[in-house]
Amino acid sequence: MSRSAADSFGTRLRQSVPGYLFLLPWLIGVLGLTVGPMVLSLYYSFTDYALFNTPAWTGLHNYTALFHDARYLHSLRVTFLYVAVSVPLEMTFALAIAVLLNRGLRGLAVYRALYYVPSLLGGSVAIALLWQQIFGSDGLLNHVLSLFGIEGHGWISEPGTALWTLIVLRVWQFGAPMVIFLAGLRQIPEDVMEAAEMDGANKWQRFWRVTLPLLSPVVFFNLVLQIIGAFQAFTPAYIISGGKGGPSDSTLFYTLYLYQQAFGNFRMGYAAAMAWVLLLIIAVFTGLNFVLGRTWVFYGDEGVRR
């Protein structure tokens, strides 16, 4: 290496050192709190590990045992039902509110903030406890129904309705997708809407053939995020059911059963296998969204339906 090349390399190295020093806390966090635990979790998923013993290699036993576990399969059914119902309802409600707010209301910032609050609080322990007070046997909902002579019941204590109270809670957290929808709606050019109106399109036709196709990238973005979030739902089911997934396992979410296995039964290897299967499920759904999105997500003027 020539002297000039060596000097140039030394100069670049000295210039890059401050940057690496600034990155060091982030690198330590990523390696210590994300990459490291993920690698250990993957290893533990192939072992019999009960937290207080030395992990013993068992190969694919944990993964095969999952599909012979009746409660595990039931948690899958509960979670899939929760995702399949709550995500479309939340998306529809968020889009409807965003369309209403996009009409140029006074104090738009205030309404936007108020509607966003549930998204900030919805996953908290306090809101889950509040949900118990609303849908319990002596809760607010039954008191309101009694004013009209309707006899209520324990909405969160009966298997037929407990999961639906959690779905309602999920839909109530529509603020985050609503704000994103509203930002997307405000980016749609006014001249496109005016041209459609001049062509004789009514409000529904303008929404279906112009607004929705132009908004499809935002719909796709929200859909991916909400599906991932719904699969990871944990706190409301844990608080409302007391960590048991009751009544009769009707609120036994996947993540709740994973928690029971890891910190209730101390089957860390089994729980790690569950976590990686959940990651695979989310990856499959995300991949399907990207593949199917090619047929309905449009960018630019190609989204306007003729």
Protein backbone atom coordinates (compact mmCIF):
# COMPACT_ATOMS: atom_id res chain seq x y z
CA MET A 1 0.00 0.00 0.00
CA SER A 2 1.43 3.35 -1.00
CA ARG A 3 2.01 6.12 1.54
CA SER A 4 -0.77 8.29 0.05
CA ALA A 5 -3.27 5.41 0.15
CA ALA A 6 -2.35 4.66 3.76
CA ASP A 7 -2.78 8.31 4.73
CA SER A 8 -6.17 8.41 2.98
CA PHE A 9 -7.31 5.26 4.80
CA GLY A 10 -6.17 6.66 8.13
CA THR A 11 -8.02 9.91 7.50
CA ARG A 12 -11.26 8.09 6.64
CA LEU A 13 -10.88 5.91 9.73
CA ARG A 14 -10.42 8.91 12.00
CA GLN A 15 -13.44 10.61 10.44
CA SER A 16 -15.64 7.56 10.90
CA VAL A 17 -14.75 6.90 14.55
CA PRO A 18 -17.11 9.60 15.97
CA GLY A 19 -19.97 8.18 13.90
CA TYR A 20 -19.39 4.66 15.20
CA LEU A 21 -19.18 6.00 18.76
CA PHE A 22 -22.57 7.67 18.34
CA LEU A 23 -23.95 4.41 16.91
CA LEU A 24 -22.50 2.31 19.72
CA PRO A 25 -25.44 2.65 22.18
CA TRP A 26 -27.86 1.67 19.41
CA LEU A 27 -25.69 -1.28 18.34
CA ILE A 28 -25.47 -2.49 21.95
CA GLY A 29 -29.24 -2.21 22.26
CA VAL A 30 -29.91 -4.06 19.01
CA LEU A 31 -27.46 -6.86 19.78
CA GLY A 32 -28.30 -7.14 23.49
CA LEU A 33 -32.06 -6.57 23.43
CA THR A 34 -33.14 -7.79 19.98
CA VAL A 35 -30.70 -9.97 18.04
CA GLY A 36 -29.29 -11.79 21.08
CA PRO A 37 -32.67 -12.72 22.61
CA MET A 38 -33.97 -13.80 19.18
CA VAL A 39 -31.02 -16.16 18.66
CA LEU A 40 -31.42 -17.59 22.18
CA SER A 41 -35.16 -17.98 21.68
CA LEU A 42 -34.58 -19.90 18.46
CA TYR A 43 -32.11 -22.19 20.23
CA TYR A 44 -34.44 -22.73 23.22
CA SER A 45 -37.29 -23.67 20.87
CA PHE A 46 -35.35 -26.85 20.04
CA THR A 47 -34.73 -27.72 23.69
CA ASP A 48 -36.50 -28.86 26.82
CA TYR A 49 -35.91 -25.78 28.93
CA ALA A 50 -37.83 -25.08 32.12
CA LEU A 51 -36.05 -21.84 33.13
CA PHE A 52 -34.32 -23.41 36.16
CA ASN A 53 -32.69 -26.36 34.42
CA THR A 54 -30.02 -26.75 31.78
CA PRO A 55 -31.54 -26.79 28.27
CA ALA A 56 -31.64 -30.30 26.78
CA TRP A 57 -31.71 -30.61 23.00
CA THR A 58 -34.93 -32.21 21.74
CA GLY A 59 -34.93 -31.22 18.08
CA LEU A 60 -38.38 -30.59 16.60
CA HIS A 61 -40.26 -32.10 19.55
CA ASN A 62 -41.67 -28.77 20.75
CA TYR A 63 -42.95 -27.92 17.28
CA THR A 64 -44.62 -31.30 16.74
CA ALA A 65 -46.10 -31.23 20.25
CA LEU A 66 -47.88 -27.95 19.45
CA PHE A 67 -50.21 -29.63 16.99
CA HIS A 68 -51.17 -32.29 19.53
CA ASP A 69 -52.04 -29.67 22.15
CA ALA A 70 -55.81 -29.05 22.18
CA ARG A 71 -55.53 -25.74 24.04
CA TYR A 72 -52.90 -24.51 21.60
CA LEU A 73 -55.13 -25.31 18.63
CA HIS A 74 -58.04 -23.61 20.42
CA SER A 75 -55.92 -20.48 20.99
CA LEU A 76 -55.22 -20.43 17.26
CA ARG A 77 -58.95 -20.54 16.47
CA VAL A 78 -59.73 -17.77 18.97
CA THR A 79 -56.93 -15.57 17.64
CA PHE A 80 -57.85 -16.10 13.98
CA LEU A 81 -61.49 -15.23 14.74
CA TYR A 82 -60.39 -12.13 16.62
CA VAL A 83 -58.18 -10.98 13.74
CA ALA A 84 -60.73 -11.82 11.03
CA VAL A 85 -63.52 -9.83 12.70
CA SER A 86 -61.78 -6.97 14.51
CA VAL A 87 -59.41 -5.79 11.76
CA PRO A 88 -62.05 -5.25 9.02
CA LEU A 89 -64.40 -3.56 11.51
CA GLU A 90 -61.66 -1.29 12.85
CA MET A 91 -60.48 -0.38 9.33
CA THR A 92 -64.03 0.36 8.15
CA PHE A 93 -64.83 2.48 11.18
CA ALA A 94 -61.53 4.38 10.94
CA LEU A 95 -62.07 5.12 7.24
CA ALA A 96 -65.65 6.26 7.82
CA ILE A 97 -64.60 8.70 10.55
CA ALA A 98 -61.68 9.94 8.43
CA VAL A 99 -64.03 10.67 5.51
CA LEU A 100 -66.33 12.65 7.81
CA LEU A 101 -63.44 14.63 9.26
CA ASN A 102 -62.10 15.35 5.79
CA ARG A 103 -65.10 17.55 5.02
CA GLY A 104 -63.41 20.64 6.43
CA LEU A 105 -64.83 20.71 9.95
CA ARG A 106 -63.88 23.54 12.26
CA GLY A 107 -61.48 22.49 14.98
CA LEU A 108 -60.23 19.53 12.97
CA ALA A 109 -57.07 19.25 15.06
CA VAL A 110 -59.18 18.91 18.23
CA TYR A 111 -61.38 16.16 16.76
CA ARG A 112 -58.33 14.37 15.41
CA ALA A 113 -56.66 14.42 18.82
CA LEU A 114 -59.81 13.24 20.61
CA TYR A 115 -60.31 10.33 18.23
CA TYR A 116 -56.65 9.37 18.54
CA VAL A 117 -56.75 9.13 22.35
CA PRO A 118 -58.29 5.60 22.40
CA SER A 119 -55.34 4.32 20.37
CA LEU A 120 -52.99 5.65 23.04
CA LEU A 121 -54.96 4.20 25.94
CA GLY A 122 -56.65 1.15 24.43
CA GLY A 123 -53.85 -1.33 25.11
CA SER A 124 -53.34 -0.20 28.71
CA VAL A 125 -54.22 -2.03 31.89
CA ALA A 126 -56.43 0.89 32.99
CA ILE A 127 -58.65 0.64 29.90
CA ALA A 128 -58.91 -3.15 30.28
CA LEU A 129 -60.09 -2.62 33.86
CA LEU A 130 -62.54 0.02 32.65
CA TRP A 131 -63.85 -2.49 30.10
CA GLN A 132 -64.56 -4.86 32.98
CA GLN A 133 -66.64 -2.16 34.67
CA ILE A 134 -68.58 -1.47 31.48
CA PHE A 135 -69.34 -5.06 30.44
CA GLY A 136 -69.45 -6.76 33.85
CA SER A 137 -72.64 -8.17 35.35
CA ASP A 138 -73.18 -4.93 37.30
CA GLY A 139 -71.50 -2.81 34.66
CA LEU A 140 -72.51 0.40 32.93
CA LEU A 141 -73.96 -1.33 29.87
CA ASN A 142 -76.41 -3.38 31.91
CA HIS A 143 -77.46 -0.28 33.87
CA VAL A 144 -78.21 1.51 30.60
CA LEU A 145 -80.16 -1.48 29.27
CA SER A 146 -82.18 -1.66 32.49
CA LEU A 147 -83.44 1.88 31.86
CA PHE A 148 -85.21 0.51 28.79
CA GLY A 149 -86.49 -2.58 30.56
CA ILE A 150 -83.92 -4.87 28.97
CA GLU A 151 -82.31 -7.48 31.20
CA GLY A 152 -78.55 -7.62 30.72
CA HIS A 153 -76.07 -10.32 31.57
CA GLY A 154 -72.39 -10.79 32.26
CA TRP A 155 -70.92 -9.92 28.89
CA ILE A 156 -67.36 -10.78 29.88
CA SER A 157 -68.28 -13.76 32.06
CA GLU A 158 -70.15 -15.76 29.41
CA PRO A 159 -68.26 -17.69 26.71
CA GLY A 160 -70.61 -16.57 23.96
CA THR A 161 -69.94 -12.85 24.40
CA ALA A 162 -66.57 -12.47 26.16
CA LEU A 163 -64.50 -12.47 22.95
CA TRP A 164 -66.86 -9.95 21.34
CA THR A 165 -66.23 -7.45 24.13
CA LEU A 166 -62.53 -7.63 23.25
CA ILE A 167 -63.38 -7.15 19.58
CA VAL A 168 -65.35 -4.03 20.49
CA LEU A 169 -62.34 -2.79 22.46
CA ARG A 170 -60.12 -3.34 19.43
CA VAL A 171 -62.51 -1.45 17.15
CA TRP A 172 -62.67 1.37 19.70
CA GLN A 173 -58.92 1.86 19.16
CA PHE A 174 -59.51 3.14 15.63
CA GLY A 175 -57.63 6.41 16.17
CA ALA A 176 -54.24 5.45 14.73
CA PRO A 177 -55.51 4.11 11.37
CA MET A 178 -58.01 6.98 11.24
CA VAL A 179 -55.24 9.59 11.44
CA ILE A 180 -53.33 7.80 8.67
CA PHE A 181 -56.47 7.58 6.52
CA LEU A 182 -57.14 11.28 7.08
CA ALA A 183 -53.60 12.18 6.00
CA GLY A 184 -54.07 10.10 2.85
CA LEU A 185 -57.43 11.67 2.04
CA ARG A 186 -55.96 15.15 2.31
CA GLN A 187 -53.35 14.23 -0.30
CA ILE A 188 -55.92 13.38 -2.98
CA PRO A 189 -55.90 16.22 -5.56
CA GLU A 190 -59.06 18.32 -5.60
CA ASP A 191 -58.94 18.62 -9.39
CA VAL A 192 -59.35 14.85 -9.74
CA MET A 193 -62.51 14.93 -7.61
CA GLU A 194 -63.83 17.97 -9.49
CA ALA A 195 -63.23 16.27 -12.83
CA ALA A 196 -65.15 13.19 -11.67
CA GLU A 197 -68.02 15.39 -10.49
CA MET A 198 -68.11 17.22 -13.83
CA ASP A 199 -68.30 13.83 -15.55
CA GLY A 200 -71.53 13.17 -13.65
CA ALA A 201 -70.23 10.89 -10.90
CA ASN A 202 -72.29 10.99 -7.71
CA LYS A 203 -70.78 10.90 -4.20
CA TRP A 204 -70.75 7.12 -3.96
CA GLN A 205 -69.20 6.73 -7.41
CA ARG A 206 -66.53 9.32 -6.59
CA PHE A 207 -65.69 7.49 -3.39
CA TRP A 208 -65.65 4.01 -4.93
CA ARG A 209 -63.99 4.81 -8.27
CA VAL A 210 -61.71 7.71 -7.34
CA THR A 211 -61.12 8.11 -3.61
CA LEU A 212 -60.73 4.48 -2.62
CA PRO A 213 -58.36 3.47 -5.46
CA LEU A 214 -56.17 6.54 -4.84
CA LEU A 215 -56.24 5.71 -1.13
CA SER A 216 -55.38 2.03 -1.68
CA PRO A 217 -51.68 2.38 -0.68
CA VAL A 218 -52.79 3.84 2.65
CA VAL A 219 -55.41 1.09 3.07
CA PHE A 220 -52.71 -1.49 2.40
CA PHE A 221 -50.34 0.10 4.93
CA ASN A 222 -53.03 0.20 7.62
CA LEU A 223 -54.14 -3.35 6.86
CA VAL A 224 -50.65 -4.79 7.32
CA LEU A 225 -50.09 -2.90 10.58
CA GLN A 226 -53.48 -3.78 12.05
CA ILE A 227 -53.20 -7.48 11.25
CA ILE A 228 -49.79 -7.64 12.91
CA GLY A 229 -51.10 -5.75 15.94
CA ALA A 230 -54.19 -7.96 16.25
CA PHE A 231 -52.12 -11.15 16.25
CA GLN A 232 -50.01 -9.69 19.07
CA ALA A 233 -52.97 -8.62 21.26
CA PHE A 234 -52.40 -9.61 24.88
CA THR A 235 -53.15 -7.09 27.64
CA PRO A 236 -56.98 -6.85 27.36
CA ALA A 237 -57.44 -10.63 27.35
CA TYR A 238 -55.02 -11.03 30.24
CA ILE A 239 -56.70 -8.41 32.43
CA ILE A 240 -60.31 -9.27 31.64
CA SER A 241 -59.83 -13.02 32.07
CA GLY A 242 -57.45 -12.77 35.01
CA GLY A 243 -54.68 -14.30 32.92
CA LYS A 244 -56.60 -17.55 32.36
CA GLY A 245 -58.26 -16.93 29.00
CA GLY A 246 -61.71 -17.63 30.38
CA PRO A 247 -64.53 -18.12 30.52
CA SER A 248 -64.08 -21.61 29.04
CA ASP A 249 -61.01 -20.46 27.13
CA SER A 250 -63.16 -18.15 25.01
CA THR A 251 -60.56 -15.36 25.29
CA LEU A 252 -57.48 -17.58 25.15
CA PHE A 253 -55.43 -15.55 22.70
CA TYR A 254 -52.28 -17.06 21.23
CA THR A 255 -50.06 -14.64 23.11
CA LEU A 256 -51.90 -15.34 26.38
CA TYR A 257 -51.39 -19.09 26.04
CA LEU A 258 -47.72 -18.44 25.21
CA TYR A 259 -47.45 -16.39 28.41
CA GLN A 260 -49.08 -19.17 30.44
CA GLN A 261 -46.64 -21.74 29.12
CA ALA A 262 -43.59 -19.53 29.66
CA PHE A 263 -44.32 -17.92 33.03
CA GLY A 264 -47.02 -20.18 34.45
CA ASN A 265 -45.68 -23.63 33.58
CA PHE A 266 -42.07 -22.47 33.00
CA ARG A 267 -41.95 -24.36 29.70
CA MET A 268 -39.61 -21.85 28.08
CA GLY A 269 -38.63 -24.11 25.21
CA TYR A 270 -42.25 -24.81 24.35
CA ALA A 271 -43.13 -21.10 24.59
CA ALA A 272 -40.17 -20.19 22.39
CA ALA A 273 -41.45 -22.60 19.73
CA MET A 274 -44.87 -20.94 19.98
CA ALA A 275 -43.27 -17.53 19.50
CA TRP A 276 -41.47 -18.61 16.33
CA VAL A 277 -44.64 -20.19 14.94
CA LEU A 278 -46.44 -16.90 15.59
CA LEU A 279 -43.67 -15.06 13.77
CA LEU A 280 -44.11 -17.44 10.84
CA ILE A 281 -47.90 -16.92 10.82
CA ILE A 282 -47.52 -13.14 10.80
CA ALA A 283 -44.88 -13.38 8.06
CA VAL A 284 -47.20 -15.53 5.92
CA PHE A 285 -50.10 -13.10 6.31
CA THR A 286 -47.84 -10.15 5.56
CA GLY A 287 -46.45 -11.89 2.50
CA LEU A 288 -49.95 -12.73 1.27
CA ASN A 289 -50.94 -9.11 1.66
CA PHE A 290 -48.00 -8.02 -0.48
CA VAL A 291 -48.79 -10.61 -3.15
CA LEU A 292 -52.53 -9.92 -3.25
CA GLY A 293 -51.88 -6.19 -2.96
CA ARG A 294 -50.59 -6.19 -6.51
CA THR A 295 -54.17 -6.71 -7.69
CA TRP A 296 -55.83 -3.88 -5.77
CA VAL A 297 -53.16 -1.40 -4.62
CA PHE A 298 -52.64 1.39 -7.14
CA TYR A 299 -50.15 4.22 -7.21
CA GLY A 300 -50.68 7.58 -8.85
CA ASP A 301 -53.28 8.15 -11.54
CA GLU A 302 -53.46 4.45 -12.39
CA GLY A 303 -55.74 4.04 -9.39
CA VAL A 304 -58.61 6.08 -10.91
CA ARG A 305 -61.16 3.61 -12.25
CA ARG A 306 -62.65 4.45 -15.59
